[in-house]
N, C-alpha and C. Protein backbone atom coordinates (compact mmCIF):
# COMPACT_ATOMS: atom_id res chain seq x y z
N MET A 1 -12.23 10.35 19.49
CA MET A 1 -11.05 10.06 18.91
C MET A 1 -10.03 11.21 19.17
N SER A 2 -8.89 10.90 19.34
CA SER A 2 -7.61 11.95 19.58
C SER A 2 -7.42 12.82 18.35
N ALA A 3 -7.04 13.70 18.61
CA ALA A 3 -6.64 14.96 17.44
C ALA A 3 -5.85 14.36 16.36
N PRO A 4 -5.10 13.65 17.00
CA PRO A 4 -3.94 13.16 15.51
C PRO A 4 -4.77 12.16 14.67
N LEU A 5 -5.54 11.19 15.42
CA LEU A 5 -6.31 10.23 14.69
C LEU A 5 -7.32 10.85 13.87
N SER A 6 -7.88 11.83 14.20
CA SER A 6 -9.01 12.58 13.52
C SER A 6 -8.19 13.18 12.50
N SER A 7 -7.29 13.96 12.64
CA SER A 7 -6.43 14.51 11.74
C SER A 7 -5.97 13.66 10.45
N VAL A 8 -5.43 12.70 10.95
CA VAL A 8 -4.88 11.53 9.93
C VAL A 8 -6.26 11.37 9.03
N LEU A 9 -7.18 10.72 9.71
CA LEU A 9 -8.38 10.42 8.77
C LEU A 9 -8.88 11.56 7.89
N ALA A 10 -8.88 12.92 8.60
CA ALA A 10 -9.60 13.83 7.62
C ALA A 10 -8.29 13.96 6.44
N ALA A 11 -7.26 13.82 6.67
CA ALA A 11 -6.20 14.08 5.51
C ALA A 11 -6.50 13.08 4.50
N PHE A 12 -6.68 11.69 5.03
CA PHE A 12 -7.10 10.93 3.79
C PHE A 12 -8.39 10.95 3.30
N GLY A 13 -9.28 11.51 3.91
CA GLY A 13 -10.76 12.02 3.49
C GLY A 13 -10.47 12.94 2.57
N ALA A 14 -9.44 13.84 2.69
CA ALA A 14 -9.47 14.90 1.75
C ALA A 14 -8.59 14.61 0.51
N GLY A 15 -8.15 13.36 0.57
CA GLY A 15 -7.51 12.90 -0.93
C GLY A 15 -5.94 12.61 -0.38
N ALA A 16 -5.22 12.89 0.61
CA ALA A 16 -3.84 12.59 0.90
C ALA A 16 -3.37 11.38 0.03
N LEU A 17 -2.43 11.20 -0.68
CA LEU A 17 -2.12 9.97 -1.18
C LEU A 17 -0.98 9.45 -0.74
N SER A 18 -0.16 10.00 0.25
CA SER A 18 0.89 9.12 1.08
C SER A 18 0.94 9.62 2.30
N LEU A 19 1.80 8.75 2.97
CA LEU A 19 2.13 9.28 4.64
C LEU A 19 2.87 10.67 4.82
N ASP A 20 3.81 10.65 3.74
CA ASP A 20 4.33 12.12 3.82
C ASP A 20 3.36 13.17 3.61
N GLU A 21 2.62 13.06 2.56
CA GLU A 21 1.42 13.93 2.30
C GLU A 21 0.60 14.41 3.57
N VAL A 22 0.20 13.35 4.43
CA VAL A 22 -0.56 13.34 5.46
C VAL A 22 0.17 14.19 6.51
N ALA A 23 1.60 13.79 6.62
CA ALA A 23 2.05 14.64 7.61
C ALA A 23 2.29 16.10 7.22
N ASP A 24 2.42 16.47 6.02
CA ASP A 24 2.18 17.80 5.40
C ASP A 24 1.21 18.44 5.68
N ARG A 25 -0.01 17.95 5.49
CA ARG A 25 -1.40 18.26 5.67
C ARG A 25 -1.80 18.70 7.04
N THR A 26 -1.26 17.78 7.88
CA THR A 26 -1.64 17.94 9.34
C THR A 26 -0.61 18.52 10.21
N GLY A 27 0.45 18.73 9.66
CA GLY A 27 1.71 19.21 10.56
C GLY A 27 2.28 18.56 11.48
N LEU A 28 1.77 17.14 11.62
CA LEU A 28 2.15 16.31 12.55
C LEU A 28 3.46 15.61 12.06
N ASP A 29 4.20 14.91 12.98
CA ASP A 29 5.63 14.37 12.68
C ASP A 29 5.35 13.25 11.99
N ARG A 30 6.11 12.55 11.22
CA ARG A 30 5.83 11.37 10.01
C ARG A 30 5.88 10.40 11.69
N ASP A 31 6.54 10.45 12.54
CA ASP A 31 6.50 8.98 13.44
C ASP A 31 4.99 9.06 14.06
N VAL A 32 4.59 10.19 14.14
CA VAL A 32 2.89 10.41 14.82
C VAL A 32 2.08 9.71 13.80
N VAL A 33 2.35 10.27 12.54
CA VAL A 33 1.46 9.60 11.35
C VAL A 33 1.45 8.32 11.19
N ASP A 34 2.75 7.64 11.19
CA ASP A 34 2.83 6.09 10.97
C ASP A 34 2.12 5.51 12.49
N ALA A 35 2.34 5.82 13.50
CA ALA A 35 1.63 5.40 14.65
C ALA A 35 0.23 5.34 14.50
N ALA A 36 -0.33 6.71 14.29
CA ALA A 36 -1.78 6.72 13.98
C ALA A 36 -2.41 5.86 12.97
N VAL A 37 -1.58 5.86 11.82
CA VAL A 37 -2.09 4.86 10.62
C VAL A 37 -1.99 3.50 11.29
N ASP A 38 -1.16 3.13 11.90
CA ASP A 38 -1.28 1.73 12.65
C ASP A 38 -2.25 1.34 13.54
N HIS A 39 -2.70 2.53 14.43
CA HIS A 39 -3.98 2.48 15.23
C HIS A 39 -5.10 2.38 14.74
N LEU A 40 -5.14 3.16 13.55
CA LEU A 40 -6.57 3.43 12.81
C LEU A 40 -6.57 2.03 12.14
N ARG A 41 -5.58 1.41 11.74
CA ARG A 41 -5.82 -0.03 11.01
C ARG A 41 -6.15 -0.89 11.95
N ARG A 42 -5.86 -0.97 13.17
CA ARG A 42 -6.15 -1.94 14.18
C ARG A 42 -7.80 -1.48 14.60
N MET A 43 -7.96 -0.28 14.65
CA MET A 43 -9.46 -0.02 14.86
C MET A 43 -10.55 -0.20 13.62
N GLY A 44 -10.01 -0.49 12.64
CA GLY A 44 -10.60 -0.66 11.47
C GLY A 44 -11.27 0.60 10.66
N ARG A 45 -10.63 1.68 11.04
CA ARG A 45 -11.07 2.68 10.48
C ARG A 45 -10.25 2.90 9.23
N LEU A 46 -9.23 2.39 8.84
CA LEU A 46 -8.35 2.45 7.74
C LEU A 46 -8.16 0.97 7.24
N ARG A 47 -8.30 0.70 5.97
CA ARG A 47 -7.96 -0.58 5.54
C ARG A 47 -6.47 -0.52 4.53
N ALA A 48 -5.84 -1.70 4.99
CA ALA A 48 -4.54 -1.61 4.04
C ALA A 48 -4.52 -2.94 3.36
N THR A 49 -4.32 -2.75 1.98
CA THR A 49 -4.19 -3.62 1.14
C THR A 49 -3.07 -3.77 0.43
N GLU A 50 -2.16 -4.92 0.39
CA GLU A 50 -0.95 -5.10 -0.42
C GLU A 50 -1.15 -5.35 -1.49
N LEU A 51 -0.67 -4.22 -2.28
CA LEU A 51 -0.92 -4.48 -3.99
C LEU A 51 0.27 -5.48 -4.46
N ALA A 52 -0.11 -5.96 -5.45
CA ALA A 52 0.56 -7.50 -5.80
C ALA A 52 1.86 -6.75 -6.57
N VAL A 53 3.13 -7.35 -6.22
CA VAL A 53 4.05 -6.99 -6.82
C VAL A 53 4.75 -8.43 -6.99
N GLY A 54 5.87 -8.31 -7.74
CA GLY A 54 6.66 -9.73 -7.82
C GLY A 54 6.05 -10.69 -8.79
N CYS A 55 6.59 -11.79 -8.77
CA CYS A 55 6.09 -12.72 -10.02
C CYS A 55 4.67 -13.33 -9.68
N PRO A 56 3.71 -13.55 -10.34
CA PRO A 56 2.54 -13.99 -10.56
C PRO A 56 2.63 -15.42 -10.22
N SER A 57 1.51 -15.96 -9.26
CA SER A 57 1.82 -17.31 -9.12
C SER A 57 1.51 -18.43 -10.45
N GLY A 58 0.88 -17.72 -11.48
CA GLY A 58 0.83 -18.41 -12.82
C GLY A 58 2.07 -18.53 -13.55
N GLY A 59 3.10 -17.83 -13.12
CA GLY A 59 4.26 -18.04 -13.63
C GLY A 59 4.43 -16.87 -15.10
N CYS A 60 5.45 -16.97 -15.69
CA CYS A 60 5.79 -15.88 -16.93
C CYS A 60 4.91 -15.71 -17.68
N GLY A 61 4.04 -16.91 -18.04
CA GLY A 61 2.74 -16.77 -19.05
C GLY A 61 1.93 -15.90 -18.64
N SER A 62 1.46 -15.39 -17.38
CA SER A 62 0.36 -14.82 -16.61
C SER A 62 0.82 -13.43 -16.31
N CYS A 63 2.24 -13.22 -16.46
CA CYS A 63 2.79 -12.01 -16.18
C CYS A 63 2.45 -11.10 -17.45
N ALA A 64 2.40 -9.72 -16.79
CA ALA A 64 2.07 -8.35 -17.53
C ALA A 64 3.30 -8.38 -18.49
N SER A 65 4.60 -8.66 -18.22
CA SER A 65 5.79 -8.52 -18.85
C SER A 65 6.19 -9.55 -19.73
N GLY A 66 5.38 -10.85 -19.27
CA GLY A 66 5.64 -12.17 -20.02
C GLY A 66 5.72 -11.99 -21.55
N ARG A 67 6.57 -12.61 -22.16
CA ARG A 67 6.57 -12.88 -23.79
C ARG A 67 5.64 -13.99 -24.06
N PRO A 68 5.15 -13.51 -25.45
CA PRO A 68 4.12 -14.75 -26.04
C PRO A 68 4.41 -16.27 -25.65
N GLU A 69 5.78 -16.23 -25.76
CA GLU A 69 6.08 -17.79 -25.51
C GLU A 69 6.44 -18.35 -24.07
N ALA A 70 5.43 -17.61 -23.26
CA ALA A 70 5.74 -17.74 -21.81
C ALA A 70 6.99 -17.64 -21.13
N THR A 71 7.89 -16.95 -21.59
CA THR A 71 9.23 -16.63 -20.86
C THR A 71 9.13 -15.35 -20.27
N ALA A 72 10.21 -14.88 -19.25
CA ALA A 72 10.09 -13.77 -18.54
C ALA A 72 10.40 -12.65 -19.42
N GLY A 73 9.74 -11.67 -19.41
CA GLY A 73 9.84 -10.38 -20.28
C GLY A 73 11.03 -9.67 -19.59
N CYS A 74 11.27 -9.77 -18.16
CA CYS A 74 11.90 -8.92 -17.20
C CYS A 74 13.16 -9.20 -17.03
N GLY A 75 13.63 -10.29 -17.93
CA GLY A 75 15.25 -10.75 -17.71
C GLY A 75 15.47 -11.86 -16.70
N ALA A 76 14.53 -12.05 -15.97
CA ALA A 76 14.94 -12.99 -15.21
C ALA A 76 14.76 -14.44 -15.45
N ALA A 77 15.56 -15.01 -15.04
CA ALA A 77 15.87 -16.63 -15.85
C ALA A 77 14.39 -17.63 -15.39
N ALA A 78 13.82 -17.23 -14.42
CA ALA A 78 12.65 -17.97 -13.85
C ALA A 78 11.79 -17.12 -13.07
N PRO A 79 10.56 -17.73 -12.66
CA PRO A 79 9.86 -16.82 -11.71
C PRO A 79 10.45 -16.82 -10.42
N SER A 80 10.24 -15.96 -9.46
CA SER A 80 10.81 -15.80 -8.19
C SER A 80 9.86 -16.68 -7.32
N ALA A 81 10.61 -17.50 -6.24
CA ALA A 81 9.48 -18.08 -5.50
C ALA A 81 9.20 -17.43 -4.13
N HIS A 82 9.64 -16.00 -4.09
CA HIS A 82 9.37 -15.39 -3.08
C HIS A 82 9.44 -13.81 -3.41
N ARG A 83 9.01 -13.06 -2.55
CA ARG A 83 9.18 -11.51 -2.98
C ARG A 83 10.38 -10.89 -2.06
N SER A 84 10.69 -9.93 -2.49
CA SER A 84 11.74 -9.17 -1.74
C SER A 84 11.97 -7.78 -1.91
N GLY A 85 12.25 -7.05 -1.23
CA GLY A 85 12.38 -5.69 -1.21
C GLY A 85 11.16 -4.89 -0.71
N PRO A 86 10.85 -3.61 -0.92
CA PRO A 86 9.61 -2.77 -0.42
C PRO A 86 8.34 -3.49 -0.92
N VAL A 87 7.32 -3.22 -0.07
CA VAL A 87 6.17 -3.85 -0.49
C VAL A 87 5.31 -2.44 -0.64
N LEU A 88 4.34 -2.40 -1.80
CA LEU A 88 3.31 -1.35 -2.07
C LEU A 88 2.14 -1.67 -1.17
N VAL A 89 1.71 -0.75 -0.29
CA VAL A 89 0.49 -1.03 0.54
C VAL A 89 -0.48 0.14 0.11
N GLN A 90 -1.77 -0.13 -0.13
CA GLN A 90 -2.79 0.87 -0.41
C GLN A 90 -3.48 0.84 0.77
N LEU A 91 -3.52 2.39 1.42
CA LEU A 91 -4.59 2.65 2.53
C LEU A 91 -5.88 3.44 1.82
N SER A 92 -7.00 2.94 2.52
CA SER A 92 -8.23 3.39 2.06
C SER A 92 -9.24 3.35 3.32
N LEU A 93 -10.04 4.24 3.26
CA LEU A 93 -11.03 4.33 4.35
C LEU A 93 -12.18 3.52 3.72
N PRO A 94 -12.35 2.59 4.91
CA PRO A 94 -13.70 1.82 4.64
C PRO A 94 -14.96 2.53 4.30
N ARG A 95 -15.68 1.91 3.31
CA ARG A 95 -16.99 2.50 3.01
C ARG A 95 -18.10 2.20 4.14
N ARG A 96 -18.64 3.46 4.23
CA ARG A 96 -19.76 3.58 5.43
C ARG A 96 -21.01 2.98 4.78
N ARG A 97 -21.61 2.22 5.26
CA ARG A 97 -23.06 1.63 4.95
C ARG A 97 -24.32 2.58 5.75
């Protein structure tokens, strides 16, 4: 495995919590870190999980900010049919067996 890929994996293994932190710990440019993470994901060495954001499929009654009468607690007129804006992704190392 190439040095940037190994360095990025080592940074995550040592507890880096963001791509900027990986860049700081490894001394790699952020664009190199981004490319390494994409490659490591394709190789199965890193797992990316999209964290739930936006309106739940069960509507306002199943939302953490929903009111007891099943109305929106966030001020929205109704649940959104789509998500927009940034998406939070959690990167993790797959467990070794």
